[in-house]
N, C-alpha and C. Protein backbone atom coordinates (compact mmCIF):
# COMPACT_ATOMS: atom_id res chain seq x y z
N MET A 1 64.90 -109.20 -42.40
CA MET A 1 65.60 -109.48 -43.58
C MET A 1 66.94 -109.48 -43.43
N SER A 2 67.54 -110.19 -43.88
CA SER A 2 69.34 -109.96 -44.40
C SER A 2 69.53 -109.00 -45.29
N SER A 3 70.43 -108.36 -45.44
CA SER A 3 70.82 -107.39 -46.28
C SER A 3 71.66 -107.94 -47.06
N GLN A 4 72.01 -109.15 -46.94
CA GLN A 4 72.67 -110.03 -47.73
C GLN A 4 72.39 -111.14 -48.41
N GLN A 5 71.05 -110.77 -48.87
CA GLN A 5 70.64 -111.66 -49.47
C GLN A 5 71.51 -111.47 -51.12
N ALA A 6 71.36 -112.92 -51.63
CA ALA A 6 71.62 -113.18 -53.20
C ALA A 6 70.66 -112.15 -54.14
N MET A 7 71.79 -111.81 -55.12
CA MET A 7 71.43 -110.88 -56.10
C MET A 7 70.93 -111.56 -57.18
N ILE A 8 69.53 -111.66 -57.96
CA ILE A 8 69.10 -112.48 -58.79
C ILE A 8 68.89 -111.36 -60.02
N ARG A 9 69.12 -111.89 -60.98
CA ARG A 9 69.25 -111.55 -62.53
C ARG A 9 67.95 -112.20 -63.20
N LEU A 10 66.74 -111.17 -63.57
CA LEU A 10 66.31 -111.99 -64.86
C LEU A 10 66.04 -111.09 -65.94
N PRO A 11 65.64 -111.31 -67.14
CA PRO A 11 65.21 -111.24 -68.50
C PRO A 11 63.78 -110.07 -68.28
N VAL A 12 64.17 -109.14 -68.56
CA VAL A 12 63.70 -107.94 -68.39
C VAL A 12 62.24 -107.88 -69.41
N ARG A 13 62.16 -108.63 -70.55
CA ARG A 13 61.54 -108.79 -71.73
C ARG A 13 60.45 -110.08 -71.43
N VAL A 14 61.13 -110.79 -70.46
CA VAL A 14 59.95 -111.60 -70.42
C VAL A 14 59.18 -111.54 -69.06
N CYS A 15 60.00 -110.98 -67.91
CA CYS A 15 59.28 -110.33 -66.64
C CYS A 15 58.15 -109.45 -67.04
N THR A 16 58.50 -108.04 -67.77
CA THR A 16 57.23 -107.23 -68.19
C THR A 16 56.28 -107.64 -69.16
N ARG A 17 56.67 -108.81 -69.82
CA ARG A 17 55.67 -109.45 -70.46
C ARG A 17 54.78 -109.99 -69.72
N LEU A 18 55.12 -110.85 -68.68
CA LEU A 18 54.87 -111.45 -67.77
C LEU A 18 54.27 -110.67 -67.17
N VAL A 19 53.77 -109.49 -66.61
CA VAL A 19 53.53 -108.64 -65.59
C VAL A 19 52.60 -108.06 -66.11
N ALA A 20 52.48 -107.93 -67.82
CA ALA A 20 51.57 -107.23 -68.43
C ALA A 20 50.27 -108.45 -68.33
N ILE A 21 50.67 -109.44 -68.96
CA ILE A 21 49.70 -110.54 -68.93
C ILE A 21 49.02 -110.47 -67.42
N ILE A 22 49.76 -110.89 -66.77
CA ILE A 22 49.24 -110.93 -65.32
C ILE A 22 48.12 -109.85 -64.98
N CYS A 23 48.56 -108.57 -65.18
CA CYS A 23 47.80 -107.40 -65.15
C CYS A 23 46.54 -107.59 -65.89
N PHE A 24 46.65 -107.66 -67.57
CA PHE A 24 45.72 -107.97 -68.19
C PHE A 24 44.11 -108.68 -67.88
N ALA A 25 44.97 -109.82 -66.78
CA ALA A 25 43.79 -110.70 -66.42
C ALA A 25 43.26 -110.05 -65.15
N ALA A 26 43.77 -109.80 -64.46
CA ALA A 26 43.26 -108.55 -63.26
C ALA A 26 42.37 -107.65 -63.59
N PHE A 27 42.51 -106.91 -65.32
CA PHE A 27 41.81 -105.88 -65.41
C PHE A 27 40.48 -106.38 -66.06
N VAL A 28 40.49 -107.71 -66.75
CA VAL A 28 39.47 -108.19 -67.35
C VAL A 28 38.22 -108.87 -65.73
N TRP A 29 39.16 -109.52 -65.24
CA TRP A 29 38.55 -110.05 -63.71
C TRP A 29 37.37 -108.78 -62.87
N VAL A 30 38.48 -107.37 -63.01
CA VAL A 30 37.60 -106.39 -62.61
C VAL A 30 36.44 -105.74 -63.51
N ILE A 31 36.51 -106.03 -64.88
CA ILE A 31 35.42 -105.77 -65.83
C ILE A 31 34.29 -106.82 -65.33
N TRP A 32 34.48 -107.92 -65.40
CA TRP A 32 33.42 -109.19 -65.39
C TRP A 32 32.86 -108.60 -63.71
N ALA A 33 33.90 -108.66 -62.72
CA ALA A 33 32.79 -108.06 -61.61
C ALA A 33 32.45 -107.08 -61.51
N ALA A 34 32.77 -105.86 -62.10
CA ALA A 34 32.10 -105.02 -62.13
C ALA A 34 30.69 -104.63 -62.40
N GLN A 35 30.63 -105.94 -63.66
CA GLN A 35 28.96 -106.04 -64.33
C GLN A 35 27.75 -106.39 -63.11
N SER A 36 28.42 -106.90 -62.32
CA SER A 36 27.45 -107.59 -60.98
C SER A 36 27.12 -106.61 -59.84
N LEU A 37 27.60 -105.44 -60.36
CA LEU A 37 27.29 -104.50 -59.67
C LEU A 37 25.69 -103.85 -59.75
N PRO A 38 25.09 -103.10 -58.85
CA PRO A 38 23.85 -102.81 -59.13
C PRO A 38 24.03 -101.58 -59.95
N VAL A 39 22.89 -101.36 -60.78
CA VAL A 39 22.80 -99.96 -61.86
C VAL A 39 22.38 -99.12 -61.01
N ALA A 40 22.60 -97.79 -61.67
CA ALA A 40 22.62 -96.71 -60.99
C ALA A 40 20.95 -96.25 -60.71
N PHE A 41 20.54 -95.72 -59.65
CA PHE A 41 19.40 -95.45 -59.38
C PHE A 41 18.36 -94.14 -60.68
N ASN A 42 19.44 -93.46 -60.84
CA ASN A 42 18.85 -92.27 -61.92
C ASN A 42 19.69 -92.53 -62.99
N PRO A 43 18.75 -92.45 -64.51
CA PRO A 43 19.29 -92.72 -66.05
C PRO A 43 21.09 -92.07 -66.17
N VAL A 44 20.58 -90.96 -65.76
CA VAL A 44 21.40 -89.95 -66.01
C VAL A 44 23.03 -90.45 -64.81
N ASP A 45 22.70 -90.62 -63.93
CA ASP A 45 23.79 -91.41 -63.10
C ASP A 45 25.16 -92.39 -63.63
N VAL A 46 26.32 -92.27 -62.89
CA VAL A 46 26.92 -92.90 -63.92
C VAL A 46 27.14 -94.16 -63.30
N GLY A 47 26.93 -94.51 -61.70
CA GLY A 47 26.20 -95.62 -61.48
C GLY A 47 27.52 -96.11 -61.00
N PRO A 48 27.76 -97.46 -59.90
CA PRO A 48 29.05 -98.02 -59.51
C PRO A 48 29.86 -98.58 -60.52
N ALA A 49 29.33 -99.55 -61.55
CA ALA A 49 29.89 -100.28 -62.16
C ALA A 49 30.84 -99.45 -63.30
N ARG A 50 30.50 -97.96 -63.65
CA ARG A 50 30.84 -97.37 -64.48
C ARG A 50 32.57 -97.22 -64.48
N VAL A 51 32.85 -96.60 -63.03
CA VAL A 51 34.39 -96.30 -62.78
C VAL A 51 35.28 -97.25 -63.30
N PRO A 52 34.96 -98.49 -62.10
CA PRO A 52 36.15 -99.68 -62.24
C PRO A 52 35.94 -100.00 -63.60
N THR A 53 34.99 -100.16 -64.29
CA THR A 53 34.81 -100.63 -66.35
C THR A 53 35.65 -99.56 -66.37
N LEU A 54 35.95 -98.11 -66.37
CA LEU A 54 36.35 -97.47 -67.34
C LEU A 54 37.71 -97.57 -66.87
N ALA A 55 38.00 -97.44 -65.43
CA ALA A 55 39.69 -97.73 -65.11
C ALA A 55 40.24 -98.84 -65.89
N ALA A 56 39.39 -100.09 -65.76
CA ALA A 56 39.88 -101.41 -65.97
C ALA A 56 40.17 -101.18 -67.34
N LEU A 57 39.34 -100.79 -68.75
CA LEU A 57 39.65 -100.52 -69.85
C LEU A 57 40.83 -99.87 -69.99
N LEU A 58 41.42 -98.57 -69.52
CA LEU A 58 42.34 -98.21 -69.33
C LEU A 58 43.47 -98.84 -69.24
N GLY A 59 43.60 -99.53 -67.93
CA GLY A 59 44.21 -100.50 -67.96
C GLY A 59 44.72 -101.62 -68.62
N LEU A 60 43.65 -102.11 -68.98
CA LEU A 60 43.54 -103.07 -70.63
C LEU A 60 44.39 -102.59 -71.48
N VAL A 61 44.14 -101.28 -72.13
CA VAL A 61 44.94 -100.47 -73.05
C VAL A 61 46.48 -100.32 -72.74
N CYS A 62 46.97 -99.62 -71.39
CA CYS A 62 48.29 -99.95 -71.14
C CYS A 62 49.07 -101.32 -70.95
N CYS A 63 48.42 -102.30 -70.24
CA CYS A 63 48.83 -103.49 -70.68
C CYS A 63 49.60 -104.11 -71.53
N VAL A 64 48.21 -103.79 -72.89
CA VAL A 64 49.02 -104.22 -74.21
C VAL A 64 50.15 -103.14 -74.55
N LEU A 65 50.02 -101.84 -74.66
CA LEU A 65 51.07 -100.78 -74.75
C LEU A 65 52.30 -101.86 -73.87
N LEU A 66 52.41 -102.10 -72.81
CA LEU A 66 53.27 -102.59 -72.13
C LEU A 66 53.93 -103.76 -72.78
N PHE A 67 53.22 -104.74 -73.24
CA PHE A 67 53.39 -105.90 -73.59
C PHE A 67 54.33 -105.72 -75.18
N LEU A 68 53.75 -104.79 -75.84
CA LEU A 68 54.28 -104.41 -77.29
C LEU A 68 55.75 -103.94 -76.73
N GLN A 69 56.26 -102.73 -75.57
CA GLN A 69 57.19 -102.05 -75.67
C GLN A 69 58.02 -102.83 -75.07
N ALA A 70 57.84 -103.70 -74.38
CA ALA A 70 58.82 -104.73 -73.68
C ALA A 70 59.61 -105.70 -74.43
N GLY A 71 59.48 -105.14 -75.86
CA GLY A 71 60.49 -106.19 -77.03
C GLY A 71 61.81 -104.99 -77.19
N ARG A 72 61.48 -103.81 -76.68
CA ARG A 72 62.43 -102.94 -77.01
C ARG A 72 63.82 -102.77 -75.58
N LEU A 73 63.38 -103.54 -74.74
CA LEU A 73 64.24 -103.76 -73.24
C LEU A 73 64.95 -104.77 -73.65
N SER A 74 66.33 -104.42 -73.05
CA SER A 74 67.34 -105.39 -73.29
C SER A 74 67.87 -105.59 -71.51
N ASP A 75 68.46 -104.92 -71.00
CA ASP A 75 68.81 -104.80 -69.61
C ASP A 75 68.60 -105.68 -68.70
N PRO A 76 68.84 -106.80 -68.05
CA PRO A 76 68.31 -107.88 -66.96
C PRO A 76 67.74 -106.82 -66.11
N ILE A 77 66.73 -107.24 -65.21
CA ILE A 77 66.83 -107.24 -64.01
C ILE A 77 67.04 -107.54 -62.88
N GLU A 78 67.79 -106.61 -61.86
CA GLU A 78 68.51 -107.14 -60.93
C GLU A 78 67.45 -106.89 -60.04
N LEU A 79 67.06 -108.02 -58.88
CA LEU A 79 66.69 -108.27 -57.92
C LEU A 79 67.12 -108.51 -57.05
N GLY A 80 67.72 -107.14 -55.94
CA GLY A 80 68.78 -107.13 -54.80
C GLY A 80 68.38 -107.86 -53.50
N ARG A 81 66.91 -107.93 -52.84
CA ARG A 81 66.61 -108.61 -51.85
C ARG A 81 65.26 -109.60 -52.46
N PRO A 82 65.45 -110.43 -53.07
CA PRO A 82 64.69 -111.67 -53.58
C PRO A 82 63.72 -111.71 -52.34
N LEU A 83 63.99 -112.06 -51.34
CA LEU A 83 63.54 -112.73 -50.02
C LEU A 83 62.51 -111.51 -49.50
N SER A 84 63.24 -110.46 -49.42
CA SER A 84 62.28 -108.96 -48.90
C SER A 84 61.06 -108.78 -49.86
N VAL A 85 61.29 -109.01 -51.39
CA VAL A 85 60.42 -108.72 -52.42
C VAL A 85 59.10 -109.66 -52.40
N ALA A 86 59.57 -111.02 -51.90
CA ALA A 86 58.66 -112.29 -51.85
C ALA A 86 57.81 -112.13 -50.75
N ALA A 87 58.44 -111.51 -49.73
CA ALA A 87 57.92 -111.14 -48.08
C ALA A 87 56.53 -109.95 -48.85
N GLY A 88 57.07 -109.31 -49.28
CA GLY A 88 56.07 -107.94 -49.59
C GLY A 88 54.69 -108.68 -50.39
N ALA A 89 55.09 -109.38 -51.43
CA ALA A 89 54.18 -110.20 -52.38
C ALA A 89 53.11 -110.57 -51.49
N LEU A 90 53.87 -111.62 -50.31
CA LEU A 90 52.75 -112.67 -49.54
C LEU A 90 51.90 -111.42 -48.33
N ILE A 91 52.76 -110.08 -48.37
CA ILE A 91 51.68 -109.57 -46.63
C ILE A 91 50.81 -108.90 -47.77
N LEU A 92 51.29 -108.54 -49.14
CA LEU A 92 49.59 -107.93 -49.81
C LEU A 92 48.50 -108.81 -50.19
N LEU A 93 48.80 -110.56 -50.59
CA LEU A 93 48.34 -111.33 -50.63
C LEU A 93 47.43 -111.42 -49.07
N ALA A 94 48.08 -111.85 -48.43
CA ALA A 94 47.19 -111.84 -46.95
C ALA A 94 46.62 -110.68 -46.76
N TYR A 95 46.79 -109.09 -46.71
CA TYR A 95 46.31 -108.22 -46.32
C TYR A 95 44.86 -108.39 -47.51
N VAL A 96 44.53 -109.08 -48.37
CA VAL A 96 43.36 -108.72 -49.45
C VAL A 96 42.93 -110.14 -48.92
N LEU A 97 43.26 -110.95 -48.10
CA LEU A 97 42.47 -112.31 -47.59
C LEU A 97 42.06 -112.05 -46.35
N ALA A 98 42.41 -111.03 -45.80
CA ALA A 98 42.58 -110.81 -44.11
C ALA A 98 41.30 -109.73 -43.80
N MET A 99 41.33 -108.53 -44.61
CA MET A 99 40.41 -107.78 -44.67
C MET A 99 38.82 -108.11 -44.68
N PRO A 100 38.27 -108.91 -45.50
CA PRO A 100 37.12 -108.92 -44.80
C PRO A 100 36.79 -109.52 -43.69
N ARG A 101 37.77 -110.27 -43.31
CA ARG A 101 37.59 -110.82 -41.96
C ARG A 101 37.81 -110.38 -40.61
N VAL A 102 38.95 -109.30 -40.73
CA VAL A 102 39.28 -108.60 -39.55
C VAL A 102 38.96 -107.08 -39.57
N GLY A 103 38.08 -106.45 -40.48
CA GLY A 103 37.68 -105.35 -41.44
C GLY A 103 39.16 -104.52 -41.73
N PHE A 104 38.73 -103.63 -42.73
CA PHE A 104 39.45 -102.73 -43.57
C PHE A 104 40.72 -101.98 -42.23
N TYR A 105 40.73 -101.33 -41.48
CA TYR A 105 41.22 -100.45 -40.76
C TYR A 105 42.20 -101.27 -40.11
N PRO A 106 41.96 -102.23 -39.09
CA PRO A 106 42.95 -103.44 -38.77
C PRO A 106 44.03 -103.70 -39.34
N ALA A 107 43.30 -104.24 -40.34
CA ALA A 107 44.26 -105.25 -41.87
C ALA A 107 45.19 -104.18 -42.36
N SER A 108 44.75 -103.21 -42.92
CA SER A 108 45.30 -101.87 -42.81
C SER A 108 46.77 -101.28 -42.35
N PHE A 109 46.34 -101.08 -40.80
CA PHE A 109 47.50 -101.05 -39.90
C PHE A 109 48.70 -101.92 -39.92
N VAL A 110 48.10 -103.32 -39.81
CA VAL A 110 49.30 -104.43 -39.80
C VAL A 110 49.74 -104.79 -41.31
N ALA A 111 49.39 -104.19 -42.29
CA ALA A 111 49.92 -104.84 -43.47
C ALA A 111 50.58 -103.00 -43.94
N ALA A 112 50.33 -102.57 -43.68
CA ALA A 112 51.25 -100.88 -43.65
C ALA A 112 52.59 -101.14 -43.17
N ALA A 113 52.60 -101.82 -41.83
CA ALA A 113 53.96 -101.89 -40.70
C ALA A 113 54.58 -103.30 -41.36
N LEU A 114 53.90 -104.25 -41.33
CA LEU A 114 54.75 -105.14 -42.22
C LEU A 114 55.32 -105.09 -43.64
N LEU A 115 54.48 -104.33 -44.37
CA LEU A 115 55.35 -103.93 -45.66
C LEU A 115 56.61 -103.36 -45.37
N MET A 116 56.29 -102.21 -44.27
CA MET A 116 57.42 -101.33 -44.07
C MET A 116 58.78 -102.55 -43.41
N LEU A 117 58.32 -102.71 -42.55
CA LEU A 117 59.48 -103.90 -42.16
C LEU A 117 60.47 -104.91 -42.92
N ALA A 118 59.46 -105.19 -44.25
CA ALA A 118 59.64 -106.02 -45.27
C ALA A 118 61.10 -105.17 -46.12
N GLY A 119 60.23 -103.95 -45.76
CA GLY A 119 61.32 -103.03 -46.87
C GLY A 119 62.55 -102.86 -46.27
N GLY A 120 62.59 -103.07 -44.97
CA GLY A 120 63.91 -102.63 -44.45
C GLY A 120 63.62 -101.94 -43.22
N GLU A 121 62.72 -100.98 -42.71
CA GLU A 121 62.67 -99.99 -41.82
C GLU A 121 62.93 -100.88 -40.48
N ARG A 122 62.96 -100.39 -39.29
CA ARG A 122 63.68 -101.15 -38.08
C ARG A 122 63.00 -99.79 -37.22
N ARG A 123 62.89 -99.51 -37.43
CA ARG A 123 62.46 -97.68 -36.37
C ARG A 123 60.91 -97.93 -36.36
N LEU A 124 61.01 -98.75 -35.20
CA LEU A 124 59.68 -99.03 -34.51
C LEU A 124 58.44 -97.78 -34.45
N TRP A 125 58.96 -96.79 -33.80
CA TRP A 125 58.23 -95.38 -33.85
C TRP A 125 57.62 -94.93 -35.20
N LEU A 126 58.81 -94.92 -36.49
CA LEU A 126 58.33 -94.36 -37.56
C LEU A 126 57.26 -95.83 -38.34
N ILE A 127 57.74 -96.98 -38.29
CA ILE A 127 56.68 -98.26 -38.57
C ILE A 127 55.08 -97.62 -37.55
N ALA A 128 55.10 -97.73 -36.49
CA ALA A 128 53.99 -97.50 -35.97
C ALA A 128 53.18 -95.78 -36.51
N GLY A 129 54.03 -94.97 -36.46
CA GLY A 129 53.59 -93.59 -36.81
C GLY A 129 53.18 -93.87 -38.41
N PHE A 130 53.66 -94.45 -39.36
CA PHE A 130 53.28 -94.41 -40.60
C PHE A 130 51.96 -95.43 -40.77
N ALA A 131 52.01 -96.42 -39.83
CA ALA A 131 50.61 -97.47 -40.07
C ALA A 131 49.72 -96.43 -39.64
N VAL A 132 49.54 -95.40 -38.36
CA VAL A 132 48.34 -95.27 -37.92
C VAL A 132 48.24 -93.51 -39.16
N GLY A 133 48.96 -93.51 -39.52
CA GLY A 133 48.73 -91.99 -39.93
C GLY A 133 48.27 -92.07 -41.70
N PHE A 134 48.78 -93.94 -42.32
CA PHE A 134 48.10 -94.34 -43.08
C PHE A 134 46.54 -94.20 -42.79
N CYS A 135 46.35 -95.10 -41.80
CA CYS A 135 44.55 -95.62 -41.71
C CYS A 135 43.83 -94.05 -41.47
N VAL A 136 44.67 -93.51 -40.20
CA VAL A 136 43.89 -91.72 -40.28
C VAL A 136 43.83 -91.37 -41.83
N PHE A 137 44.45 -90.89 -42.54
CA PHE A 137 44.80 -90.42 -43.86
C PHE A 137 43.27 -90.60 -44.47
N ILE A 138 43.19 -92.30 -44.47
CA ILE A 138 42.43 -93.01 -45.34
C ILE A 138 40.75 -92.51 -44.79
N TYR A 139 40.79 -92.66 -43.25
CA TYR A 139 39.52 -92.30 -42.47
C TYR A 139 39.23 -91.02 -42.92
N LEU A 140 40.26 -89.94 -43.00
CA LEU A 140 39.80 -88.52 -43.17
C LEU A 140 39.10 -88.20 -44.69
N CYS A 141 40.32 -88.47 -45.28
CA CYS A 141 39.76 -88.43 -47.16
C CYS A 141 38.52 -89.17 -47.66
N PHE A 142 38.46 -90.46 -47.10
CA PHE A 142 37.43 -91.04 -47.89
C PHE A 142 36.03 -91.14 -46.89
N ASP A 143 36.37 -91.96 -45.64
CA ASP A 143 35.28 -91.79 -44.74
C ASP A 143 34.46 -90.48 -44.32
N LEU A 144 35.36 -88.92 -43.78
CA LEU A 144 34.94 -88.25 -43.84
C LEU A 144 34.48 -87.23 -44.61
N ILE A 145 35.59 -87.08 -45.73
CA ILE A 145 35.07 -86.35 -46.63
C ILE A 145 34.46 -86.55 -47.96
N LEU A 146 34.80 -87.72 -48.32
CA LEU A 146 34.23 -88.25 -49.78
C LEU A 146 32.98 -89.23 -49.71
N GLY A 147 32.62 -89.46 -47.68
CA GLY A 147 31.57 -90.49 -47.69
C GLY A 147 31.61 -91.62 -48.31
N VAL A 148 32.89 -92.35 -48.49
CA VAL A 148 33.28 -93.50 -49.40
C VAL A 148 33.36 -94.81 -48.11
N GLN A 149 32.51 -95.24 -47.65
CA GLN A 149 33.22 -96.52 -46.47
C GLN A 149 33.81 -97.45 -46.67
N PHE A 150 34.41 -97.99 -46.22
CA PHE A 150 35.54 -99.34 -46.72
C PHE A 150 34.79 -100.44 -45.88
N PRO A 151 35.06 -101.97 -46.63
CA PRO A 151 34.23 -102.61 -45.68
C PRO A 151 35.27 -102.94 -44.10
């Protein structure tokens, strides 16, 4: 990506409220999707649906607060590298779509490397090291320590 990309100015109120609405819809979807998770084996157990539901409810509250507070904002948002931002968003979308097909760790490795490239990093040793380190960290923390396996 070129560092000579055009500067884009966007109205901060509109952008903030748009982000709040999109996030609100995403949290509603998380609550809806969590209802299809199995119930807890033990009545005193939290169960797999409780944590995402509670986190999404907290997210909904934050979205409402963000939407309301957006009225106080007045300075425009300056997007200095719009193509890099768009590339990052497309990489995240591709990551989510590729994960079930190629697996969590290969998709995470590629996505981490591509996100660093989209962000402007060009040192290949740093990109590869970060991507490997990210996957190793997730494996150690979640798979080995917490026993949570990713798809």
